[in-house]
């Protein structure tokens, strides 16, 4: 008996992978990373989407 086709793997992908991305991302540091992690834990999809929109990707430093 299942939950209409939803398995543990589906829940893992939807809930854990966005949190993992926030934790290992170089888009935020320190307290901001902790805050984004809490946002993704309590509001998984909304928090992750806002994280991707608000934070900027890390810029690469060019060497001359």
PDB file of N, CA and C in Angstrom:
ATOM      1  N   UNK A   1       0.841  -1.174   0.000  1.00  0.00           N
ATOM      2  CA  UNK A   1       0.000   0.000   0.000  1.00  0.00           C
ATOM      3  C   UNK A   1       0.891   1.243   0.000  1.00  0.00           C
ATOM      4  N   UNK A   2       0.598   2.172  -0.873  1.00  0.00           N
ATOM      5  CA  UNK A   2       1.429   3.368  -0.962  1.00  0.00           C
ATOM      6  C   UNK A   2       0.598   4.628  -0.840  1.00  0.00           C
ATOM      7  N   UNK A   3       1.219   5.708  -1.158  1.00  0.00           N
ATOM      8  CA  UNK A   3       0.564   7.011  -1.105  1.00  0.00           C
ATOM      9  C   UNK A   3       0.270   7.496  -2.524  1.00  0.00           C
ATOM     10  N   UNK A   4      -0.415   6.713  -3.307  1.00  0.00           N
ATOM     11  CA  UNK A   4      -0.751   7.118  -4.664  1.00  0.00           C
ATOM     12  C   UNK A   4       0.450   7.199  -5.581  1.00  0.00           C
ATOM     13  N   UNK A   5       1.417   6.336  -5.410  1.00  0.00           N
ATOM     14  CA  UNK A   5       2.580   6.322  -6.277  1.00  0.00           C
ATOM     15  C   UNK A   5       3.760   7.116  -5.759  1.00  0.00           C
ATOM     16  N   UNK A   6       3.634   7.773  -4.620  1.00  0.00           N
ATOM     17  CA  UNK A   6       4.753   8.522  -4.052  1.00  0.00           C
ATOM     18  C   UNK A   6       5.576   7.573  -3.199  1.00  0.00           C
ATOM     19  N   UNK A   7       6.843   7.488  -3.507  1.00  0.00           N
ATOM     20  CA  UNK A   7       7.721   6.611  -2.740  1.00  0.00           C
ATOM     21  C   UNK A   7       8.659   7.449  -1.873  1.00  0.00           C
ATOM     22  N   UNK A   8       9.436   6.766  -1.076  1.00  0.00           N
ATOM     23  CA  UNK A   8      10.428   7.438  -0.234  1.00  0.00           C
ATOM     24  C   UNK A   8      11.435   8.190  -1.097  1.00  0.00           C
ATOM     25  N   UNK A   9      11.783   7.646  -2.253  1.00  0.00           N
ATOM     26  CA  UNK A   9      12.748   8.309  -3.134  1.00  0.00           C
ATOM     27  C   UNK A   9      12.201   9.621  -3.674  1.00  0.00           C
ATOM     28  N   UNK A  10      10.915   9.647  -3.999  1.00  0.00           N
ATOM     29  CA  UNK A  10      10.312  10.901  -4.456  1.00  0.00           C
ATOM     30  C   UNK A  10      10.374  11.956  -3.353  1.00  0.00           C
ATOM     31  N   UNK A  11      10.035  11.561  -2.148  1.00  0.00           N
ATOM     32  CA  UNK A  11      10.087  12.498  -1.026  1.00  0.00           C
ATOM     33  C   UNK A  11      11.514  12.971  -0.771  1.00  0.00           C
ATOM     34  N   UNK A  12      12.485  12.070  -0.896  1.00  0.00           N
ATOM     35  CA  UNK A  12      13.888  12.433  -0.710  1.00  0.00           C
ATOM     36  C   UNK A  12      14.308  13.479  -1.733  1.00  0.00           C
ATOM     37  N   UNK A  13      13.947  13.262  -2.980  1.00  0.00           N
ATOM     38  CA  UNK A  13      14.334  14.187  -4.040  1.00  0.00           C
ATOM     39  C   UNK A  13      13.699  15.555  -3.822  1.00  0.00           C
ATOM     40  N   UNK A  14      12.429  15.573  -3.478  1.00  0.00           N
ATOM     41  CA  UNK A  14      11.713  16.838  -3.334  1.00  0.00           C
ATOM     42  C   UNK A  14      12.142  17.596  -2.086  1.00  0.00           C
ATOM     43  N   UNK A  15      12.445  16.887  -1.003  1.00  0.00           N
ATOM     44  CA  UNK A  15      12.725  17.555   0.266  1.00  0.00           C
ATOM     45  C   UNK A  15      14.211  17.681   0.595  1.00  0.00           C
ATOM     46  N   UNK A  16      15.001  16.661   0.321  1.00  0.00           N
ATOM     47  CA  UNK A  16      16.388  16.662   0.780  1.00  0.00           C
ATOM     48  C   UNK A  16      17.362  17.284  -0.215  1.00  0.00           C
ATOM     49  N   UNK A  17      17.152  17.098  -1.499  1.00  0.00           N
ATOM     50  CA  UNK A  17      18.124  17.623  -2.453  1.00  0.00           C
ATOM     51  C   UNK A  17      18.169  19.154  -2.498  1.00  0.00           C
ATOM     52  N   UNK A  18      17.041  19.857  -2.424  1.00  0.00           N
ATOM     53  CA  UNK A  18      17.156  21.324  -2.334  1.00  0.00           C
ATOM     54  C   UNK A  18      17.917  21.776  -1.086  1.00  0.00           C
ATOM     55  N   UNK A  19      17.685  21.113   0.037  1.00  0.00           N
ATOM     56  CA  UNK A  19      18.419  21.455   1.259  1.00  0.00           C
ATOM     57  C   UNK A  19      19.908  21.190   1.073  1.00  0.00           C
ATOM     58  N   UNK A  20      20.250  20.078   0.473  1.00  0.00           N
ATOM     59  CA  UNK A  20      21.653  19.759   0.218  1.00  0.00           C
ATOM     60  C   UNK A  20      22.288  20.814  -0.685  1.00  0.00           C
ATOM     61  N   UNK A  21      21.571  21.253  -1.694  1.00  0.00           N
ATOM     62  CA  UNK A  21      22.113  22.274  -2.591  1.00  0.00           C
ATOM     63  C   UNK A  21      22.353  23.592  -1.863  1.00  0.00           C
ATOM     64  N   UNK A  22      21.431  23.970  -0.982  1.00  0.00           N
ATOM     65  CA  UNK A  22      21.601  25.208  -0.214  1.00  0.00           C
ATOM     66  C   UNK A  22      22.824  25.095   0.686  1.00  0.00           C
ATOM     67  N   UNK A  23      23.012  23.949   1.317  1.00  0.00           N
ATOM     68  CA  UNK A  23      24.117  23.767   2.261  1.00  0.00           C
ATOM     69  C   UNK A  23      25.468  23.783   1.551  1.00  0.00           C
ATOM     70  N   UNK A  24      25.584  23.177   0.373  1.00  0.00           N
ATOM     71  CA  UNK A  24      26.884  23.106  -0.297  1.00  0.00           C
ATOM     72  C   UNK A  24      27.103  24.239  -1.302  1.00  0.00           C
ATOM     73  N   UNK A  25      26.108  25.090  -1.493  1.00  0.00           N
ATOM     74  CA  UNK A  25      26.203  26.161  -2.475  1.00  0.00           C
ATOM     75  C   UNK A  25      27.167  27.253  -2.022  1.00  0.00           C
ATOM     76  N   UNK A  26      27.822  27.870  -2.987  1.00  0.00           N
ATOM     77  CA  UNK A  26      28.701  29.002  -2.684  1.00  0.00           C
ATOM     78  C   UNK A  26      27.966  30.327  -2.879  1.00  0.00           C
ATOM     79  N   UNK A  27      26.652  30.280  -3.013  1.00  0.00           N
ATOM     80  CA  UNK A  27      25.854  31.493  -3.201  1.00  0.00           C
ATOM     81  C   UNK A  27      25.688  32.275  -1.906  1.00  0.00           C
ATOM     82  N   UNK A  28      25.804  31.619  -0.753  1.00  0.00           N
ATOM     83  CA  UNK A  28      25.644  32.316   0.527  1.00  0.00           C
ATOM     84  C   UNK A  28      26.643  31.762   1.528  1.00  0.00           C
ATOM     85  N   UNK A  29      26.887  32.535   2.584  1.00  0.00           N
ATOM     86  CA  UNK A  29      27.881  32.160   3.580  1.00  0.00           C
ATOM     87  C   UNK A  29      27.352  32.405   4.982  1.00  0.00           C
ATOM     88  N   UNK A  30      27.868  31.660   5.948  1.00  0.00           N
ATOM     89  CA  UNK A  30      27.629  31.904   7.368  1.00  0.00           C
ATOM     90  C   UNK A  30      26.182  31.874   7.787  1.00  0.00           C
ATOM     91  N   UNK A  31      25.774  32.960   8.448  1.00  0.00           N
ATOM     92  CA  UNK A  31      24.421  33.049   8.976  1.00  0.00           C
ATOM     93  C   UNK A  31      23.363  33.046   7.888  1.00  0.00           C
ATOM     94  N   UNK A  32      23.684  33.612   6.735  1.00  0.00           N
ATOM     95  CA  UNK A  32      22.726  33.613   5.632  1.00  0.00           C
ATOM     96  C   UNK A  32      22.462  32.191   5.154  1.00  0.00           C
ATOM     97  N   UNK A  33      23.507  31.387   5.105  1.00  0.00           N
ATOM     98  CA  UNK A  33      23.338  29.991   4.687  1.00  0.00           C
ATOM     99  C   UNK A  33      22.461  29.245   5.688  1.00  0.00           C
ATOM    100  N   UNK A  34      22.651  29.513   6.974  1.00  0.00           N
ATOM    101  CA  UNK A  34      21.818  28.891   8.005  1.00  0.00           C
ATOM    102  C   UNK A  34      20.363  29.319   7.848  1.00  0.00           C
ATOM    103  N   UNK A  35      20.147  30.601   7.588  1.00  0.00           N
ATOM    104  CA  UNK A  35      18.789  31.105   7.383  1.00  0.00           C
ATOM    105  C   UNK A  35      18.117  30.482   6.173  1.00  0.00           C
ATOM    106  N   UNK A  36      18.856  30.377   5.074  1.00  0.00           N
ATOM    107  CA  UNK A  36      18.294  29.740   3.888  1.00  0.00           C
ATOM    108  C   UNK A  36      18.010  28.266   4.142  1.00  0.00           C
ATOM    109  N   UNK A  37      18.868  27.619   4.904  1.00  0.00           N
ATOM    110  CA  UNK A  37      18.631  26.208   5.236  1.00  0.00           C
ATOM    111  C   UNK A  37      17.336  26.048   6.025  1.00  0.00           C
ATOM    112  N   UNK A  38      17.107  26.927   6.995  1.00  0.00           N
ATOM    113  CA  UNK A  38      15.856  26.872   7.759  1.00  0.00           C
ATOM    114  C   UNK A  38      14.651  27.141   6.864  1.00  0.00           C
ATOM    115  N   UNK A  39      14.786  28.101   5.957  1.00  0.00           N
ATOM    116  CA  UNK A  39      13.677  28.404   5.047  1.00  0.00           C
ATOM    117  C   UNK A  39      13.339  27.201   4.181  1.00  0.00           C
ATOM    118  N   UNK A  40      14.361  26.494   3.713  1.00  0.00           N
ATOM    119  CA  UNK A  40      14.124  25.326   2.863  1.00  0.00           C
ATOM    120  C   UNK A  40      13.569  24.161   3.678  1.00  0.00           C
ATOM    121  N   UNK A  41      13.941  24.054   4.943  1.00  0.00           N
ATOM    122  CA  UNK A  41      13.398  22.980   5.788  1.00  0.00           C
ATOM    123  C   UNK A  41      11.918  23.213   6.054  1.00  0.00           C
ATOM    124  N   UNK A  42      11.532  24.450   6.386  1.00  0.00           N
ATOM    125  CA  UNK A  42      10.147  24.722   6.752  1.00  0.00           C
ATOM    126  C   UNK A  42       9.236  24.964   5.550  1.00  0.00           C
ATOM    127  N   UNK A  43       9.779  25.500   4.464  1.00  0.00           N
ATOM    128  CA  UNK A  43       9.006  25.752   3.241  1.00  0.00           C
ATOM    129  C   UNK A  43       9.821  25.234   2.057  1.00  0.00           C
ATOM    130  N   UNK A  44       9.842  23.919   1.834  1.00  0.00           N
ATOM    131  CA  UNK A  44      10.798  23.329   0.892  1.00  0.00           C
ATOM    132  C   UNK A  44      10.791  23.938  -0.513  1.00  0.00           C
ATOM    133  N   UNK A  45       9.710  23.882  -1.209  1.00  0.00           N
ATOM    134  CA  UNK A  45       9.711  24.342  -2.595  1.00  0.00           C
ATOM    135  C   UNK A  45       9.799  25.864  -2.681  1.00  0.00           C
ATOM    136  N   UNK A  46       9.007  26.551  -1.904  1.00  0.00           N
ATOM    137  CA  UNK A  46       9.004  28.012  -1.928  1.00  0.00           C
ATOM    138  C   UNK A  46      10.352  28.578  -1.478  1.00  0.00           C
ATOM    139  N   UNK A  47      10.905  28.036  -0.399  1.00  0.00           N
ATOM    140  CA  UNK A  47      12.197  28.506   0.095  1.00  0.00           C
ATOM    141  C   UNK A  47      13.309  28.300  -0.909  1.00  0.00           C
ATOM    142  N   UNK A  48      13.290  27.155  -1.593  1.00  0.00           N
ATOM    143  CA  UNK A  48      14.337  26.856  -2.571  1.00  0.00           C
ATOM    144  C   UNK A  48      14.221  27.762  -3.794  1.00  0.00           C
ATOM    145  N   UNK A  49      13.009  27.973  -4.261  1.00  0.00           N
ATOM    146  CA  UNK A  49      12.821  28.848  -5.420  1.00  0.00           C
ATOM    147  C   UNK A  49      13.261  30.273  -5.091  1.00  0.00           C
ATOM    148  N   UNK A  50      12.895  30.759  -3.922  1.00  0.00           N
ATOM    149  CA  UNK A  50      13.305  32.112  -3.520  1.00  0.00           C
ATOM    150  C   UNK A  50      14.819  32.181  -3.354  1.00  0.00           C
ATOM    151  N   UNK A  51      15.429  31.130  -2.808  1.00  0.00           N
ATOM    152  CA  UNK A  51      16.889  31.069  -2.676  1.00  0.00           C
ATOM    153  C   UNK A  51      17.555  31.222  -4.041  1.00  0.00           C
ATOM    154  N   UNK A  52      17.055  30.504  -5.040  1.00  0.00           N
ATOM    155  CA  UNK A  52      17.659  30.563  -6.371  1.00  0.00           C
ATOM    156  C   UNK A  52      17.473  31.929  -7.023  1.00  0.00           C
ATOM    157  N   UNK A  53      16.356  32.593  -6.732  1.00  0.00           N
ATOM    158  CA  UNK A  53      16.095  33.902  -7.335  1.00  0.00           C
ATOM    159  C   UNK A  53      16.885  35.007  -6.638  1.00  0.00           C
ATOM    160  N   UNK A  54      16.910  34.987  -5.310  1.00  0.00           N
ATOM    161  CA  UNK A  54      17.493  36.089  -4.544  1.00  0.00           C
ATOM    162  C   UNK A  54      19.015  36.053  -4.532  1.00  0.00           C
ATOM    163  N   UNK A  55      19.596  34.895  -4.354  1.00  0.00           N
ATOM    164  CA  UNK A  55      21.055  34.814  -4.266  1.00  0.00           C
ATOM    165  C   UNK A  55      21.669  34.816  -5.655  1.00  0.00           C
ATOM    166  N   UNK A  56      22.834  35.381  -5.743  1.00  0.00           N
ATOM    167  CA  UNK A  56      23.549  35.447  -7.012  1.00  0.00           C
ATOM    168  C   UNK A  56      24.586  34.339  -7.078  1.00  0.00           C
ATOM    169  N   UNK A  57      24.802  33.769  -8.260  1.00  0.00           N
ATOM    170  CA  UNK A  57      25.865  32.762  -8.376  1.00  0.00           C
ATOM    171  C   UNK A  57      27.224  33.374  -8.054  1.00  0.00           C
ATOM    172  N   UNK A  58      28.112  32.561  -7.509  1.00  0.00           N
ATOM    173  CA  UNK A  58      29.455  33.035  -7.183  1.00  0.00           C
ATOM    174  C   UNK A  58      30.179  33.406  -8.474  1.00  0.00           C
ATOM    175  N   UNK A  59      30.837  34.555  -8.445  1.00  0.00           N
ATOM    176  CA  UNK A  59      31.560  35.004  -9.630  1.00  0.00           C
ATOM    177  C   UNK A  59      32.965  34.430  -9.617  1.00  0.00           C
ATOM    178  N   UNK A  60      33.413  34.022 -10.781  1.00  0.00           N
ATOM    179  CA  UNK A  60      34.758  33.477 -10.903  1.00  0.00           C
ATOM    180  C   UNK A  60      35.742  34.620 -11.118  1.00  0.00           C
ATOM    181  N   UNK A  61      36.862  34.524 -10.447  1.00  0.00           N
ATOM    182  CA  UNK A  61      37.897  35.549 -10.555  1.00  0.00           C
ATOM    183  C   UNK A  61      38.817  35.173 -11.706  1.00  0.00           C
ATOM    184  N   UNK A  62      38.972  36.109 -12.634  1.00  0.00           N
ATOM    185  CA  UNK A  62      39.851  35.865 -13.775  1.00  0.00           C
ATOM    186  C   UNK A  62      41.266  36.314 -13.435  1.00  0.00           C
ATOM    187  N   UNK A  63      42.221  35.498 -13.821  1.00  0.00           N
ATOM    188  CA  UNK A  63      43.620  35.861 -13.612  1.00  0.00           C
ATOM    189  C   UNK A  63      44.198  36.336 -14.933  1.00  0.00           C
ATOM    190  N   UNK A  64      44.945  37.453 -14.889  1.00  0.00           N
ATOM    191  CA  UNK A  64      45.513  38.002 -16.117  1.00  0.00           C
ATOM    192  C   UNK A  64      46.934  37.578 -16.283  1.00  0.00           C
TER     193      UNK A  64
END
